[in-house]
Amino acid sequence: MNIKETMRNKIGIEPQDLSGAAKTAVDVYQGRVDKLPQLMKEGSQVIQKMSSKLTRTQMIITVGVLAAGLVFAVTRLKGTRMA
C-alpha cells in the first residue's frame, strides 16, 4: 500500500487536500493576507476529515498547533513581534 492509498483509506483525506492547505499556508507566510480565510477553510476541512480517526488528545494537540500557527501568521503579517 503506497502513501496515497494509506492517506485515502486510513486517514480519509486526499493528498490534494494537504497540498492545497500547505500552498495556501506558504502564501499567507509570504504576506498574502487575502489568503488567510482560505487557509482557515482548508485547514478546518483537513482537520474535520481527520477527526474521525484521531483520539481526543490528538485532536486537542492538532487544534493547538493550528491556533499557534494562526497566531504566528497574524503576528507576522502585522509586522509585530510577540513578547
N, C-alpha and C. Protein backbone atom coordinates (compact mmCIF):
# COMPACT_ATOMS: atom_id res chain seq x y z
N MET A 1 0.85 -1.18 0.00
CA MET A 1 0.00 0.00 0.00
C MET A 1 0.90 1.24 0.00
N ASN A 2 0.69 2.14 -0.97
CA ASN A 2 1.52 3.34 -1.02
C ASN A 2 0.93 4.45 -0.15
N ILE A 3 1.62 5.56 -0.08
CA ILE A 3 1.23 6.65 0.82
C ILE A 3 -0.13 7.24 0.44
N LYS A 4 -0.41 7.35 -0.86
CA LYS A 4 -1.72 7.87 -1.28
C LYS A 4 -2.86 6.99 -0.80
N GLU A 5 -2.70 5.70 -0.99
CA GLU A 5 -3.74 4.78 -0.55
C GLU A 5 -3.89 4.80 0.96
N THR A 6 -2.78 4.90 1.68
CA THR A 6 -2.83 4.96 3.13
C THR A 6 -3.58 6.20 3.59
N MET A 7 -3.27 7.34 3.00
CA MET A 7 -3.95 8.59 3.38
C MET A 7 -5.44 8.50 3.06
N ARG A 8 -5.76 7.97 1.92
CA ARG A 8 -7.15 7.90 1.49
C ARG A 8 -7.93 6.89 2.33
N ASN A 9 -7.38 5.72 2.57
CA ASN A 9 -8.11 4.65 3.24
C ASN A 9 -8.09 4.75 4.76
N LYS A 10 -6.95 5.06 5.33
CA LYS A 10 -6.84 5.06 6.79
C LYS A 10 -7.17 6.41 7.41
N ILE A 11 -6.76 7.48 6.78
CA ILE A 11 -6.98 8.81 7.35
C ILE A 11 -8.23 9.46 6.79
N GLY A 12 -8.54 9.20 5.53
CA GLY A 12 -9.75 9.74 4.93
C GLY A 12 -9.56 11.06 4.22
N ILE A 13 -8.31 11.41 3.90
CA ILE A 13 -8.07 12.66 3.18
C ILE A 13 -7.29 12.38 1.91
N GLU A 14 -7.44 13.26 0.98
CA GLU A 14 -6.72 13.17 -0.29
C GLU A 14 -5.42 13.96 -0.19
N PRO A 15 -4.38 13.53 -0.89
CA PRO A 15 -3.12 14.30 -0.88
C PRO A 15 -3.32 15.73 -1.37
N GLN A 16 -4.27 15.94 -2.28
CA GLN A 16 -4.54 17.29 -2.79
C GLN A 16 -5.05 18.21 -1.69
N ASP A 17 -5.77 17.65 -0.71
CA ASP A 17 -6.25 18.46 0.41
C ASP A 17 -5.07 19.04 1.19
N LEU A 18 -4.10 18.18 1.49
CA LEU A 18 -2.93 18.64 2.24
C LEU A 18 -2.06 19.58 1.42
N SER A 19 -1.86 19.27 0.16
CA SER A 19 -1.00 20.13 -0.65
C SER A 19 -1.64 21.49 -0.86
N GLY A 20 -2.96 21.54 -1.01
CA GLY A 20 -3.64 22.83 -1.16
C GLY A 20 -3.51 23.67 0.10
N ALA A 21 -3.70 23.04 1.26
CA ALA A 21 -3.56 23.76 2.52
C ALA A 21 -2.13 24.24 2.73
N ALA A 22 -1.16 23.40 2.36
CA ALA A 22 0.24 23.79 2.52
C ALA A 22 0.60 24.95 1.60
N LYS A 23 0.11 24.93 0.37
CA LYS A 23 0.39 26.02 -0.56
C LYS A 23 -0.22 27.33 -0.05
N THR A 24 -1.43 27.25 0.45
CA THR A 24 -2.08 28.45 0.99
C THR A 24 -1.33 28.95 2.23
N ALA A 25 -0.84 28.03 3.06
CA ALA A 25 -0.07 28.43 4.24
C ALA A 25 1.20 29.17 3.84
N VAL A 26 1.85 28.71 2.79
CA VAL A 26 3.06 29.38 2.31
C VAL A 26 2.69 30.78 1.79
N ASP A 27 1.58 30.89 1.07
CA ASP A 27 1.13 32.20 0.58
C ASP A 27 0.90 33.17 1.74
N VAL A 28 0.25 32.69 2.80
CA VAL A 28 -0.01 33.54 3.96
C VAL A 28 1.30 33.92 4.62
N TYR A 29 2.21 32.97 4.76
CA TYR A 29 3.51 33.23 5.37
C TYR A 29 4.28 34.29 4.59
N GLN A 30 4.11 34.31 3.27
CA GLN A 30 4.81 35.27 2.42
C GLN A 30 4.12 36.62 2.37
N GLY A 31 3.02 36.79 3.12
CA GLY A 31 2.40 38.10 3.22
C GLY A 31 1.11 38.28 2.45
N ARG A 32 0.59 37.25 1.85
CA ARG A 32 -0.67 37.36 1.10
C ARG A 32 -1.84 37.27 2.08
N VAL A 33 -2.19 38.39 2.68
CA VAL A 33 -3.22 38.46 3.71
C VAL A 33 -4.56 37.96 3.19
N ASP A 34 -4.83 38.19 1.92
CA ASP A 34 -6.11 37.79 1.34
C ASP A 34 -6.31 36.27 1.35
N LYS A 35 -5.26 35.51 1.56
CA LYS A 35 -5.35 34.04 1.56
C LYS A 35 -5.65 33.46 2.94
N LEU A 36 -5.66 34.29 3.99
CA LEU A 36 -5.88 33.79 5.34
C LEU A 36 -7.24 33.10 5.50
N PRO A 37 -8.35 33.68 5.02
CA PRO A 37 -9.63 32.96 5.13
C PRO A 37 -9.62 31.61 4.41
N GLN A 38 -8.97 31.56 3.26
CA GLN A 38 -8.87 30.31 2.51
C GLN A 38 -8.06 29.28 3.30
N LEU A 39 -6.99 29.73 3.96
CA LEU A 39 -6.18 28.83 4.77
C LEU A 39 -6.99 28.27 5.92
N MET A 40 -7.76 29.12 6.58
CA MET A 40 -8.58 28.66 7.69
C MET A 40 -9.62 27.65 7.21
N LYS A 41 -10.21 27.90 6.05
CA LYS A 41 -11.21 26.98 5.49
C LYS A 41 -10.58 25.63 5.14
N GLU A 42 -9.46 25.66 4.42
CA GLU A 42 -8.80 24.42 4.01
C GLU A 42 -8.27 23.64 5.21
N GLY A 43 -7.69 24.36 6.16
CA GLY A 43 -7.17 23.71 7.36
C GLY A 43 -8.27 23.04 8.17
N SER A 44 -9.40 23.72 8.30
CA SER A 44 -10.50 23.13 9.06
C SER A 44 -11.11 21.94 8.33
N GLN A 45 -11.12 21.97 7.00
CA GLN A 45 -11.63 20.82 6.24
C GLN A 45 -10.74 19.60 6.44
N VAL A 46 -9.43 19.81 6.44
CA VAL A 46 -8.50 18.70 6.65
C VAL A 46 -8.68 18.14 8.06
N ILE A 47 -8.79 19.01 9.05
CA ILE A 47 -8.97 18.55 10.43
C ILE A 47 -10.31 17.82 10.57
N GLN A 48 -11.34 18.33 9.93
CA GLN A 48 -12.64 17.68 10.01
C GLN A 48 -12.59 16.27 9.42
N LYS A 49 -11.91 16.12 8.29
CA LYS A 49 -11.79 14.80 7.68
C LYS A 49 -10.97 13.85 8.55
N MET A 50 -9.96 14.38 9.24
CA MET A 50 -9.10 13.56 10.07
C MET A 50 -9.72 13.26 11.43
N SER A 51 -10.69 14.05 11.85
CA SER A 51 -11.19 13.96 13.21
C SER A 51 -11.75 12.60 13.58
N SER A 52 -12.33 11.89 12.63
CA SER A 52 -12.89 10.57 12.95
C SER A 52 -11.80 9.54 13.24
N LYS A 53 -10.59 9.81 12.81
CA LYS A 53 -9.50 8.85 13.01
C LYS A 53 -8.58 9.22 14.16
N LEU A 54 -8.75 10.42 14.73
CA LEU A 54 -7.86 10.88 15.79
C LEU A 54 -8.49 10.66 17.17
N THR A 55 -7.64 10.45 18.15
CA THR A 55 -8.12 10.38 19.53
C THR A 55 -8.37 11.80 20.03
N ARG A 56 -9.01 11.91 21.15
CA ARG A 56 -9.31 13.23 21.72
C ARG A 56 -8.02 14.02 21.97
N THR A 57 -7.01 13.37 22.50
CA THR A 57 -5.73 14.04 22.76
C THR A 57 -5.09 14.53 21.47
N GLN A 58 -5.12 13.71 20.43
CA GLN A 58 -4.55 14.11 19.15
C GLN A 58 -5.31 15.31 18.57
N MET A 59 -6.62 15.33 18.74
CA MET A 59 -7.41 16.47 18.25
C MET A 59 -7.05 17.75 18.99
N ILE A 60 -6.91 17.65 20.31
CA ILE A 60 -6.56 18.83 21.10
C ILE A 60 -5.20 19.36 20.67
N ILE A 61 -4.23 18.47 20.46
CA ILE A 61 -2.90 18.89 20.03
C ILE A 61 -2.98 19.51 18.63
N THR A 62 -3.74 18.91 17.73
CA THR A 62 -3.88 19.43 16.37
C THR A 62 -4.48 20.82 16.37
N VAL A 63 -5.53 21.02 17.13
CA VAL A 63 -6.17 22.34 17.21
C VAL A 63 -5.21 23.35 17.84
N GLY A 64 -4.46 22.93 18.85
CA GLY A 64 -3.48 23.82 19.47
C GLY A 64 -2.39 24.25 18.51
N VAL A 65 -1.90 23.31 17.73
CA VAL A 65 -0.87 23.64 16.74
C VAL A 65 -1.42 24.58 15.68
N LEU A 66 -2.65 24.31 15.23
CA LEU A 66 -3.28 25.19 14.25
C LEU A 66 -3.46 26.60 14.81
N ALA A 67 -3.92 26.69 16.05
CA ALA A 67 -4.11 28.01 16.67
C ALA A 67 -2.78 28.75 16.81
N ALA A 68 -1.74 28.04 17.22
CA ALA A 68 -0.42 28.67 17.35
C ALA A 68 0.08 29.14 15.98
N GLY A 69 -0.14 28.34 14.96
CA GLY A 69 0.25 28.73 13.61
C GLY A 69 -0.48 29.96 13.13
N LEU A 70 -1.77 30.05 13.43
CA LEU A 70 -2.54 31.23 13.03
C LEU A 70 -2.08 32.47 13.79
N VAL A 71 -1.80 32.32 15.08
CA VAL A 71 -1.28 33.46 15.85
C VAL A 71 0.04 33.92 15.26
N PHE A 72 0.91 32.98 14.94
CA PHE A 72 2.19 33.33 14.33
C PHE A 72 1.98 34.05 13.00
N ALA A 73 1.07 33.53 12.17
CA ALA A 73 0.83 34.14 10.85
C ALA A 73 0.28 35.55 10.99
N VAL A 74 -0.68 35.72 11.86
CA VAL A 74 -1.28 37.06 12.04
C VAL A 74 -0.26 38.02 12.60
N THR A 75 0.53 37.56 13.57
CA THR A 75 1.57 38.42 14.15
C THR A 75 2.59 38.81 13.10
N ARG A 76 2.98 37.87 12.29
CA ARG A 76 3.97 38.16 11.24
C ARG A 76 3.39 39.12 10.20
N LEU A 77 2.13 38.93 9.87
CA LEU A 77 1.51 39.80 8.88
C LEU A 77 1.34 41.22 9.37
N LYS A 78 1.14 41.37 10.68
CA LYS A 78 1.00 42.71 11.25
C LYS A 78 2.35 43.40 11.41
N GLY A 79 3.41 42.63 11.33
CA GLY A 79 4.74 43.20 11.46
C GLY A 79 5.17 43.44 12.89
N THR A 80 4.48 42.81 13.84
CA THR A 80 4.85 42.95 15.24
C THR A 80 5.50 41.68 15.71
N ARG A 81 6.15 41.76 16.85
CA ARG A 81 6.78 40.59 17.42
C ARG A 81 6.09 40.27 18.73
N MET A 82 5.95 38.97 19.00
CA MET A 82 5.36 38.55 20.27
C MET A 82 6.44 38.63 21.35
N ALA A 83 6.05 39.11 22.51
CA ALA A 83 7.00 39.24 23.61
C ALA A 83 7.09 37.98 24.42
